[in-house]
Amino acid sequence: MTTLPKPTKAHRMSYRIARGERGVLTFEPYKSDILPLWRFKTPAIARRSSKEIYNRFLEYNDNDDFVGMDMCRKFLQMVQ
């Protein structure tokens, strides 16, 4: 299992859910954790990337980290 970022509760509470993918490339430490997984140059690379991001989504879910889950969802939707 990957070592996930451990932001404070106060930091997580500063996250604002917005329409669309606004803020996805700015909210740390999630951006730095997920962005390296986000690739879509070819269909094969995009499939592999989406599986990795979905696995990270599941890890955030196991840790009850809604913000991490939402950030993963936004990255996945940006590729569609």
PDB file of N, CA and C in Angstrom:
ATOM      1  N   MET A   1       0.842  -1.181   0.000  1.00  0.00           N
ATOM      2  CA  MET A   1       0.000   0.000   0.000  1.00  0.00           C
ATOM      3  C   MET A   1       0.885   1.243   0.000  1.00  0.00           C
ATOM      4  N   THR A   2       0.458   2.256  -0.696  1.00  0.00           N
ATOM      5  CA  THR A   2       1.182   3.512  -0.827  1.00  0.00           C
ATOM      6  C   THR A   2       1.047   4.350   0.436  1.00  0.00           C
ATOM      7  N   THR A   3       2.085   5.121   0.738  1.00  0.00           N
ATOM      8  CA  THR A   3       1.994   6.062   1.840  1.00  0.00           C
ATOM      9  C   THR A   3       1.249   7.285   1.337  1.00  0.00           C
ATOM     10  N   LEU A   4       0.060   7.490   1.847  1.00  0.00           N
ATOM     11  CA  LEU A   4      -0.772   8.607   1.413  1.00  0.00           C
ATOM     12  C   LEU A   4      -0.465   9.845   2.229  1.00  0.00           C
ATOM     13  N   PRO A   5      -0.689  11.021   1.636  1.00  0.00           N
ATOM     14  CA  PRO A   5      -0.476  12.248   2.396  1.00  0.00           C
ATOM     15  C   PRO A   5      -1.403  12.282   3.604  1.00  0.00           C
ATOM     16  N   LYS A   6      -0.953  12.912   4.676  1.00  0.00           N
ATOM     17  CA  LYS A   6      -1.744  12.995   5.908  1.00  0.00           C
ATOM     18  C   LYS A   6      -1.982  14.459   6.271  1.00  0.00           C
ATOM     19  N   PRO A   7      -2.829  15.148   5.503  1.00  0.00           N
ATOM     20  CA  PRO A   7      -3.118  16.545   5.856  1.00  0.00           C
ATOM     21  C   PRO A   7      -3.937  16.606   7.139  1.00  0.00           C
ATOM     22  N   THR A   8      -3.846  17.728   7.806  1.00  0.00           N
ATOM     23  CA  THR A   8      -4.601  17.905   9.042  1.00  0.00           C
ATOM     24  C   THR A   8      -6.088  18.016   8.730  1.00  0.00           C
ATOM     25  N   LYS A   9      -6.892  17.802   9.733  1.00  0.00           N
ATOM     26  CA  LYS A   9      -8.338  17.945   9.549  1.00  0.00           C
ATOM     27  C   LYS A   9      -8.675  19.373   9.138  1.00  0.00           C
ATOM     28  N   ALA A  10      -8.006  20.349   9.726  1.00  0.00           N
ATOM     29  CA  ALA A  10      -8.264  21.750   9.371  1.00  0.00           C
ATOM     30  C   ALA A  10      -7.966  21.996   7.894  1.00  0.00           C
ATOM     31  N   HIS A  11      -6.886  21.411   7.397  1.00  0.00           N
ATOM     32  CA  HIS A  11      -6.547  21.579   5.976  1.00  0.00           C
ATOM     33  C   HIS A  11      -7.600  20.917   5.090  1.00  0.00           C
ATOM     34  N   ARG A  12      -7.999  19.694   5.458  1.00  0.00           N
ATOM     35  CA  ARG A  12      -9.037  19.010   4.669  1.00  0.00           C
ATOM     36  C   ARG A  12     -10.335  19.802   4.676  1.00  0.00           C
ATOM     37  N   MET A  13     -10.649  20.428   5.793  1.00  0.00           N
ATOM     38  CA  MET A  13     -11.899  21.201   5.890  1.00  0.00           C
ATOM     39  C   MET A  13     -11.839  22.475   5.051  1.00  0.00           C
ATOM     40  N   SER A  14     -10.646  22.904   4.644  1.00  0.00           N
ATOM     41  CA  SER A  14     -10.537  24.093   3.795  1.00  0.00           C
ATOM     42  C   SER A  14     -10.845  23.776   2.333  1.00  0.00           C
ATOM     43  N   TYR A  15     -10.951  22.493   2.009  1.00  0.00           N
ATOM     44  CA  TYR A  15     -11.271  22.062   0.648  1.00  0.00           C
ATOM     45  C   TYR A  15     -12.707  22.437   0.321  1.00  0.00           C
ATOM     46  N   ARG A  16     -12.900  23.034  -0.818  1.00  0.00           N
ATOM     47  CA  ARG A  16     -14.243  23.425  -1.260  1.00  0.00           C
ATOM     48  C   ARG A  16     -14.640  22.606  -2.470  1.00  0.00           C
ATOM     49  N   ILE A  17     -15.773  21.957  -2.365  1.00  0.00           N
ATOM     50  CA  ILE A  17     -16.291  21.197  -3.492  1.00  0.00           C
ATOM     51  C   ILE A  17     -16.854  22.201  -4.487  1.00  0.00           C
ATOM     52  N   ALA A  18     -16.401  22.097  -5.723  1.00  0.00           N
ATOM     53  CA  ALA A  18     -16.831  23.040  -6.754  1.00  0.00           C
ATOM     54  C   ALA A  18     -17.375  22.275  -7.948  1.00  0.00           C
ATOM     55  N   ARG A  19     -18.087  22.977  -8.770  1.00  0.00           N
ATOM     56  CA  ARG A  19     -18.583  22.366  -9.999  1.00  0.00           C
ATOM     57  C   ARG A  19     -17.410  22.112 -10.924  1.00  0.00           C
ATOM     58  N   GLY A  20     -17.468  21.016 -11.646  1.00  0.00           N
ATOM     59  CA  GLY A  20     -16.403  20.696 -12.580  1.00  0.00           C
ATOM     60  C   GLY A  20     -15.127  20.313 -11.859  1.00  0.00           C
ATOM     61  N   GLU A  21     -14.027  20.581 -12.497  1.00  0.00           N
ATOM     62  CA  GLU A  21     -12.741  20.160 -11.957  1.00  0.00           C
ATOM     63  C   GLU A  21     -11.934  21.336 -11.403  1.00  0.00           C
ATOM     64  N   ARG A  22     -12.593  22.389 -11.054  1.00  0.00           N
ATOM     65  CA  ARG A  22     -11.919  23.561 -10.504  1.00  0.00           C
ATOM     66  C   ARG A  22     -11.114  23.186  -9.256  1.00  0.00           C
ATOM     67  N   GLY A  23      -9.883  23.663  -9.190  1.00  0.00           N
ATOM     68  CA  GLY A  23      -9.045  23.449  -8.019  1.00  0.00           C
ATOM     69  C   GLY A  23      -8.255  22.162  -8.007  1.00  0.00           C
ATOM     70  N   VAL A  24      -8.460  21.305  -8.994  1.00  0.00           N
ATOM     71  CA  VAL A  24      -7.812  19.992  -8.963  1.00  0.00           C
ATOM     72  C   VAL A  24      -6.287  20.094  -9.058  1.00  0.00           C
ATOM     73  N   LEU A  25      -5.778  21.105  -9.695  1.00  0.00           N
ATOM     74  CA  LEU A  25      -4.327  21.229  -9.847  1.00  0.00           C
ATOM     75  C   LEU A  25      -3.700  22.154  -8.809  1.00  0.00           C
ATOM     76  N   THR A  26      -4.458  22.493  -7.764  1.00  0.00           N
ATOM     77  CA  THR A  26      -3.929  23.422  -6.781  1.00  0.00           C
ATOM     78  C   THR A  26      -3.962  22.906  -5.347  1.00  0.00           C
ATOM     79  N   PHE A  27      -4.792  21.957  -5.019  1.00  0.00           N
ATOM     80  CA  PHE A  27      -4.974  21.563  -3.613  1.00  0.00           C
ATOM     81  C   PHE A  27      -3.955  20.503  -3.211  1.00  0.00           C
ATOM     82  N   GLU A  28      -2.985  20.927  -2.420  1.00  0.00           N
ATOM     83  CA  GLU A  28      -1.934  20.038  -1.928  1.00  0.00           C
ATOM     84  C   GLU A  28      -2.367  19.391  -0.618  1.00  0.00           C
ATOM     85  N   PRO A  29      -1.853  18.251  -0.276  1.00  0.00           N
ATOM     86  CA  PRO A  29      -0.818  17.458  -0.917  1.00  0.00           C
ATOM     87  C   PRO A  29      -1.363  16.497  -1.966  1.00  0.00           C
ATOM     88  N   TYR A  30      -2.664  16.554  -2.206  1.00  0.00           N
ATOM     89  CA  TYR A  30      -3.297  15.608  -3.129  1.00  0.00           C
ATOM     90  C   TYR A  30      -2.799  15.779  -4.557  1.00  0.00           C
ATOM     91  N   LYS A  31      -2.630  17.027  -4.985  1.00  0.00           N
ATOM     92  CA  LYS A  31      -2.154  17.272  -6.345  1.00  0.00           C
ATOM     93  C   LYS A  31      -0.832  16.555  -6.584  1.00  0.00           C
ATOM     94  N   SER A  32       0.110  16.707  -5.674  1.00  0.00           N
ATOM     95  CA  SER A  32       1.428  16.090  -5.840  1.00  0.00           C
ATOM     96  C   SER A  32       1.377  14.570  -5.749  1.00  0.00           C
ATOM     97  N   ASP A  33       0.374  14.042  -5.074  1.00  0.00           N
ATOM     98  CA  ASP A  33       0.233  12.593  -4.953  1.00  0.00           C
ATOM     99  C   ASP A  33      -0.386  11.979  -6.210  1.00  0.00           C
ATOM    100  N   ILE A  34      -1.349  12.644  -6.802  1.00  0.00           N
ATOM    101  CA  ILE A  34      -2.107  12.070  -7.919  1.00  0.00           C
ATOM    102  C   ILE A  34      -1.547  12.480  -9.279  1.00  0.00           C
ATOM    103  N   LEU A  35      -1.065  13.699  -9.410  1.00  0.00           N
ATOM    104  CA  LEU A  35      -0.612  14.212 -10.702  1.00  0.00           C
ATOM    105  C   LEU A  35       0.412  13.321 -11.406  1.00  0.00           C
ATOM    106  N   PRO A  36       1.392  12.732 -10.692  1.00  0.00           N
ATOM    107  CA  PRO A  36       2.351  11.860 -11.395  1.00  0.00           C
ATOM    108  C   PRO A  36       1.700  10.619 -12.022  1.00  0.00           C
ATOM    109  N   LEU A  37       0.528  10.242 -11.563  1.00  0.00           N
ATOM    110  CA  LEU A  37      -0.171   9.069 -12.115  1.00  0.00           C
ATOM    111  C   LEU A  37      -0.983   9.421 -13.359  1.00  0.00           C
ATOM    112  N   TRP A  38      -1.211  10.692 -13.599  1.00  0.00           N
ATOM    113  CA  TRP A  38      -2.148  11.163 -14.619  1.00  0.00           C
ATOM    114  C   TRP A  38      -1.466  11.269 -15.977  1.00  0.00           C
ATOM    115  N   ARG A  39      -1.704  10.288 -16.850  1.00  0.00           N
ATOM    116  CA  ARG A  39      -1.123  10.248 -18.188  1.00  0.00           C
ATOM    117  C   ARG A  39      -2.194   9.817 -19.173  1.00  0.00           C
ATOM    118  N   PHE A  40      -2.147  10.393 -20.382  1.00  0.00           N
ATOM    119  CA  PHE A  40      -3.189  10.056 -21.359  1.00  0.00           C
ATOM    120  C   PHE A  40      -2.727  10.237 -22.801  1.00  0.00           C
ATOM    121  N   LYS A  41      -1.447  10.093 -23.069  1.00  0.00           N
ATOM    122  CA  LYS A  41      -0.908  10.308 -24.418  1.00  0.00           C
ATOM    123  C   LYS A  41      -1.488   9.324 -25.432  1.00  0.00           C
ATOM    124  N   THR A  42      -1.628   8.059 -25.043  1.00  0.00           N
ATOM    125  CA  THR A  42      -2.219   7.043 -25.917  1.00  0.00           C
ATOM    126  C   THR A  42      -3.339   6.352 -25.133  1.00  0.00           C
ATOM    127  N   PRO A  43      -4.235   5.663 -25.830  1.00  0.00           N
ATOM    128  CA  PRO A  43      -5.296   4.936 -25.111  1.00  0.00           C
ATOM    129  C   PRO A  43      -4.748   3.922 -24.097  1.00  0.00           C
ATOM    130  N   ALA A  44      -3.684   3.231 -24.442  1.00  0.00           N
ATOM    131  CA  ALA A  44      -3.119   2.239 -23.523  1.00  0.00           C
ATOM    132  C   ALA A  44      -2.558   2.913 -22.265  1.00  0.00           C
ATOM    133  N   ILE A  45      -1.862   4.016 -22.454  1.00  0.00           N
ATOM    134  CA  ILE A  45      -1.317   4.756 -21.312  1.00  0.00           C
ATOM    135  C   ILE A  45      -2.453   5.306 -20.453  1.00  0.00           C
ATOM    136  N   ALA A  46      -3.496   5.800 -21.094  1.00  0.00           N
ATOM    137  CA  ALA A  46      -4.639   6.349 -20.361  1.00  0.00           C
ATOM    138  C   ALA A  46      -5.343   5.263 -19.550  1.00  0.00           C
ATOM    139  N   ARG A  47      -5.485   4.072 -20.102  1.00  0.00           N
ATOM    140  CA  ARG A  47      -6.112   2.971 -19.355  1.00  0.00           C
ATOM    141  C   ARG A  47      -5.288   2.610 -18.123  1.00  0.00           C
ATOM    142  N   ARG A  48      -3.980   2.493 -18.303  1.00  0.00           N
ATOM    143  CA  ARG A  48      -3.097   2.156 -17.180  1.00  0.00           C
ATOM    144  C   ARG A  48      -3.150   3.261 -16.118  1.00  0.00           C
ATOM    145  N   SER A  49      -3.123   4.496 -16.566  1.00  0.00           N
ATOM    146  CA  SER A  49      -3.185   5.640 -15.660  1.00  0.00           C
ATOM    147  C   SER A  49      -4.492   5.653 -14.883  1.00  0.00           C
ATOM    148  N   SER A  50      -5.585   5.419 -15.584  1.00  0.00           N
ATOM    149  CA  SER A  50      -6.885   5.455 -14.899  1.00  0.00           C
ATOM    150  C   SER A  50      -6.996   4.341 -13.863  1.00  0.00           C
ATOM    151  N   LYS A  51      -6.406   3.188 -14.135  1.00  0.00           N
ATOM    152  CA  LYS A  51      -6.411   2.102 -13.146  1.00  0.00           C
ATOM    153  C   LYS A  51      -5.614   2.496 -11.910  1.00  0.00           C
ATOM    154  N   GLU A  52      -4.467   3.143 -12.129  1.00  0.00           N
ATOM    155  CA  GLU A  52      -3.636   3.569 -11.000  1.00  0.00           C
ATOM    156  C   GLU A  52      -4.355   4.625 -10.152  1.00  0.00           C
ATOM    157  N   ILE A  53      -5.004   5.568 -10.830  1.00  0.00           N
ATOM    158  CA  ILE A  53      -5.725   6.607 -10.091  1.00  0.00           C
ATOM    159  C   ILE A  53      -6.924   6.005  -9.369  1.00  0.00           C
ATOM    160  N   TYR A  54      -7.608   5.058  -9.993  1.00  0.00           N
ATOM    161  CA  TYR A  54      -8.732   4.411  -9.322  1.00  0.00           C
ATOM    162  C   TYR A  54      -8.253   3.628  -8.093  1.00  0.00           C
ATOM    163  N   ASN A  55      -7.102   2.973  -8.210  1.00  0.00           N
ATOM    164  CA  ASN A  55      -6.548   2.271  -7.042  1.00  0.00           C
ATOM    165  C   ASN A  55      -6.220   3.256  -5.923  1.00  0.00           C
ATOM    166  N   ARG A  56      -5.723   4.428  -6.298  1.00  0.00           N
ATOM    167  CA  ARG A  56      -5.451   5.454  -5.284  1.00  0.00           C
ATOM    168  C   ARG A  56      -6.763   5.914  -4.660  1.00  0.00           C
ATOM    169  N   PHE A  57      -7.819   6.047  -5.476  1.00  0.00           N
ATOM    170  CA  PHE A  57      -9.155   6.382  -4.973  1.00  0.00           C
ATOM    171  C   PHE A  57      -9.573   5.382  -3.897  1.00  0.00           C
ATOM    172  N   LEU A  58      -9.380   4.093  -4.167  1.00  0.00           N
ATOM    173  CA  LEU A  58      -9.753   3.057  -3.205  1.00  0.00           C
ATOM    174  C   LEU A  58      -8.927   3.155  -1.923  1.00  0.00           C
ATOM    175  N   GLU A  59      -7.648   3.510  -2.057  1.00  0.00           N
ATOM    176  CA  GLU A  59      -6.816   3.691  -0.862  1.00  0.00           C
ATOM    177  C   GLU A  59      -7.337   4.850  -0.020  1.00  0.00           C
ATOM    178  N   TYR A  60      -7.688   5.959  -0.691  1.00  0.00           N
ATOM    179  CA  TYR A  60      -8.264   7.084   0.047  1.00  0.00           C
ATOM    180  C   TYR A  60      -9.581   6.663   0.711  1.00  0.00           C
ATOM    181  N   ASN A  61     -10.366   5.856   0.020  1.00  0.00           N
ATOM    182  CA  ASN A  61     -11.621   5.373   0.589  1.00  0.00           C
ATOM    183  C   ASN A  61     -11.358   4.537   1.839  1.00  0.00           C
ATOM    184  N   ASP A  62     -10.361   3.654   1.778  1.00  0.00           N
ATOM    185  CA  ASP A  62     -10.009   2.830   2.939  1.00  0.00           C
ATOM    186  C   ASP A  62      -9.596   3.684   4.132  1.00  0.00           C
ATOM    187  N   ASN A  63      -9.068   4.890   3.848  1.00  0.00           N
ATOM    188  CA  ASN A  63      -8.633   5.799   4.908  1.00  0.00           C
ATOM    189  C   ASN A  63      -9.685   6.860   5.238  1.00  0.00           C
ATOM    190  N   ASP A  64     -10.908   6.676   4.730  1.00  0.00           N
ATOM    191  CA  ASP A  64     -12.003   7.633   4.972  1.00  0.00           C
ATOM    192  C   ASP A  64     -11.602   9.064   4.615  1.00  0.00           C
ATOM    193  N   ASP A  65     -10.891   9.214   3.509  1.00  0.00           N
ATOM    194  CA  ASP A  65     -10.414  10.525   3.070  1.00  0.00           C
ATOM    195  C   ASP A  65     -11.234  10.980   1.868  1.00  0.00           C
ATOM    196  N   PHE A  66     -12.332  11.684   2.157  1.00  0.00           N
ATOM    197  CA  PHE A  66     -13.225  12.130   1.096  1.00  0.00           C
ATOM    198  C   PHE A  66     -12.527  13.068   0.118  1.00  0.00           C
ATOM    199  N   VAL A  67     -11.682  13.952   0.621  1.00  0.00           N
ATOM    200  CA  VAL A  67     -11.010  14.918  -0.251  1.00  0.00           C
ATOM    201  C   VAL A  67     -10.139  14.188  -1.271  1.00  0.00           C
ATOM    202  N   GLY A  68      -9.357  13.215  -0.815  1.00  0.00           N
ATOM    203  CA  GLY A  68      -8.533  12.432  -1.732  1.00  0.00           C
ATOM    204  C   GLY A  68      -9.371  11.699  -2.760  1.00  0.00           C
ATOM    205  N   MET A  69     -10.497  11.148  -2.315  1.00  0.00           N
ATOM    206  CA  MET A  69     -11.400  10.453  -3.245  1.00  0.00           C
ATOM    207  C   MET A  69     -11.935  11.427  -4.292  1.00  0.00           C
ATOM    208  N   ASP A  70     -12.348  12.611  -3.865  1.00  0.00           N
ATOM    209  CA  ASP A  70     -12.898  13.594  -4.797  1.00  0.00           C
ATOM    210  C   ASP A  70     -11.835  14.081  -5.776  1.00  0.00           C
ATOM    211  N   MET A  71     -10.610  14.255  -5.295  1.00  0.00           N
ATOM    212  CA  MET A  71      -9.532  14.676  -6.193  1.00  0.00           C
ATOM    213  C   MET A  71      -9.257  13.607  -7.252  1.00  0.00           C
ATOM    214  N   CYS A  72      -9.250  12.346  -6.869  1.00  0.00           N
ATOM    215  CA  CYS A  72      -9.068  11.261  -7.843  1.00  0.00           C
ATOM    216  C   CYS A  72     -10.184  11.284  -8.876  1.00  0.00           C
ATOM    217  N   ARG A  73     -11.402  11.461  -8.409  1.00  0.00           N
ATOM    218  CA  ARG A  73     -12.552  11.509  -9.324  1.00  0.00           C
ATOM    219  C   ARG A  73     -12.368  12.626 -10.340  1.00  0.00           C
ATOM    220  N   LYS A  74     -11.913  13.784  -9.888  1.00  0.00           N
ATOM    221  CA  LYS A  74     -11.736  14.919 -10.791  1.00  0.00           C
ATOM    222  C   LYS A  74     -10.663  14.629 -11.840  1.00  0.00           C
ATOM    223  N   PHE A  75      -9.549  14.032 -11.418  1.00  0.00           N
ATOM    224  CA  PHE A  75      -8.510  13.694 -12.396  1.00  0.00           C
ATOM    225  C   PHE A  75      -9.057  12.723 -13.431  1.00  0.00           C
ATOM    226  N   LEU A  76      -9.804  11.727 -12.989  1.00  0.00           N
ATOM    227  CA  LEU A  76     -10.361  10.750 -13.932  1.00  0.00           C
ATOM    228  C   LEU A  76     -11.356  11.414 -14.901  1.00  0.00           C
ATOM    229  N   GLN A  77     -12.139  12.334 -14.435  1.00  0.00           N
ATOM    230  CA  GLN A  77     -13.107  12.985 -15.303  1.00  0.00           C
ATOM    231  C   GLN A  77     -12.452  13.934 -16.299  1.00  0.00           C
ATOM    232  N   MET A  78     -11.316  14.484 -15.970  1.00  0.00           N
ATOM    233  CA  MET A  78     -10.652  15.397 -16.899  1.00  0.00           C
ATOM    234  C   MET A  78     -10.149  14.690 -18.149  1.00  0.00           C
ATOM    235  N   VAL A  79      -9.938  13.393 -18.072  1.00  0.00           N
ATOM    236  CA  VAL A  79      -9.430  12.649 -19.222  1.00  0.00           C
ATOM    237  C   VAL A  79     -10.544  12.285 -20.187  1.00  0.00           C
ATOM    238  N   GLN A  80     -11.760  12.222 -19.703  1.00  0.00           N
ATOM    239  CA  GLN A  80     -12.875  11.793 -20.557  1.00  0.00           C
ATOM    240  C   GLN A  80     -13.139  12.745 -21.676  1.00  0.00           C
TER     241      GLN A  80
END
